């Protein structure tokens, strides 16, 4: 992630990253689609001062399966 705050006179307090999973299911009787959205990953990183630039790196794992019991 390249953070460029060189043209601003204000600090960036923090960066927030969220990865969402959206599941769309269709009711066979009514034909109505139901959308369920859950947060898979959330991370808060420290901000950046005014007139500064930095390069940051962070990693997260995207789960390949999900539990349907937790989604309501």
Protein backbone atom coordinates (compact mmCIF):
# COMPACT_ATOMS: atom_id res chain seq x y z
CA UNK A 1 0.00 0.00 0.00
CA UNK A 2 1.45 3.35 -0.99
CA UNK A 3 0.32 6.15 1.32
CA UNK A 4 0.87 9.62 -0.12
CA UNK A 5 -0.19 12.48 2.12
CA UNK A 6 2.40 14.96 0.81
CA UNK A 7 -0.17 17.41 -0.58
CA UNK A 8 -2.22 17.67 2.61
CA UNK A 9 -1.63 19.73 5.71
CA UNK A 10 -3.74 17.36 7.84
CA UNK A 11 -2.75 14.11 9.52
CA UNK A 12 -4.43 10.83 8.66
CA UNK A 13 -5.47 9.31 12.00
CA UNK A 14 -5.65 5.69 10.86
CA UNK A 15 -6.46 3.37 7.97
CA UNK A 16 -9.28 0.85 8.28
CA UNK A 17 -9.49 -2.18 6.01
CA UNK A 18 -12.48 -4.49 5.86
CA UNK A 19 -13.10 -7.49 3.65
CA UNK A 20 -16.77 -8.42 3.29
CA UNK A 21 -18.38 -11.61 2.04
CA UNK A 22 -21.77 -11.29 0.40
CA UNK A 23 -24.01 -14.35 0.00
CA UNK A 24 -27.13 -14.12 -2.16
CA UNK A 25 -29.71 -16.88 -1.74
CA UNK A 26 -33.04 -17.32 -3.47
CA UNK A 27 -36.13 -18.62 -1.71
CA UNK A 28 -37.53 -21.36 -4.01
CA UNK A 29 -41.13 -20.76 -2.93
CA UNK A 30 -41.34 -16.97 -3.25
CA UNK A 31 -38.43 -16.31 -5.61
CA UNK A 32 -37.19 -13.51 -3.32
CA UNK A 33 -33.44 -13.01 -3.07
CA UNK A 34 -31.95 -12.64 0.39
CA UNK A 35 -28.57 -10.91 0.74
CA UNK A 36 -26.37 -11.67 3.75
CA UNK A 37 -23.20 -9.68 4.27
CA UNK A 38 -20.54 -10.60 6.84
CA UNK A 39 -17.15 -9.18 7.73
CA UNK A 40 -14.44 -11.73 6.94
CA UNK A 41 -11.45 -9.61 7.91
CA UNK A 42 -10.98 -6.27 9.64
CA UNK A 43 -7.77 -4.44 10.46
CA UNK A 44 -6.88 -0.99 11.73
CA UNK A 45 -3.47 0.43 10.84
CA UNK A 46 -1.80 3.56 12.24
CA UNK A 47 -2.18 6.75 10.24
CA UNK A 48 0.27 9.07 8.56
CA UNK A 49 1.42 12.57 9.39
CA UNK A 50 0.86 15.65 7.27
CA UNK A 51 3.19 16.15 4.28
CA UNK A 52 4.52 12.58 4.52
CA UNK A 53 4.59 9.52 2.32
CA UNK A 54 5.22 5.87 3.15
CA UNK A 55 4.97 2.40 1.70
CA UNK A 56 3.33 -0.23 3.91
CA UNK A 57 2.62 -3.87 3.55
CA UNK A 58 0.22 -6.14 5.38
CA UNK A 59 -1.18 -9.56 4.62
CA UNK A 60 -4.36 -11.41 5.43
CA UNK A 61 -5.70 -14.82 4.59
CA UNK A 62 -8.95 -15.18 2.69
CA UNK A 63 -10.77 -18.26 3.98
CA UNK A 64 -11.74 -20.71 1.24
CA UNK A 65 -14.76 -22.08 3.12
CA UNK A 66 -17.35 -20.59 5.38
CA UNK A 67 -19.70 -21.88 8.02
CA UNK A 68 -23.35 -21.41 7.10
CA UNK A 69 -24.37 -21.79 10.75
CA UNK A 70 -23.01 -18.34 11.61
CA UNK A 71 -24.85 -16.53 8.81
CA UNK A 72 -28.40 -15.58 9.60
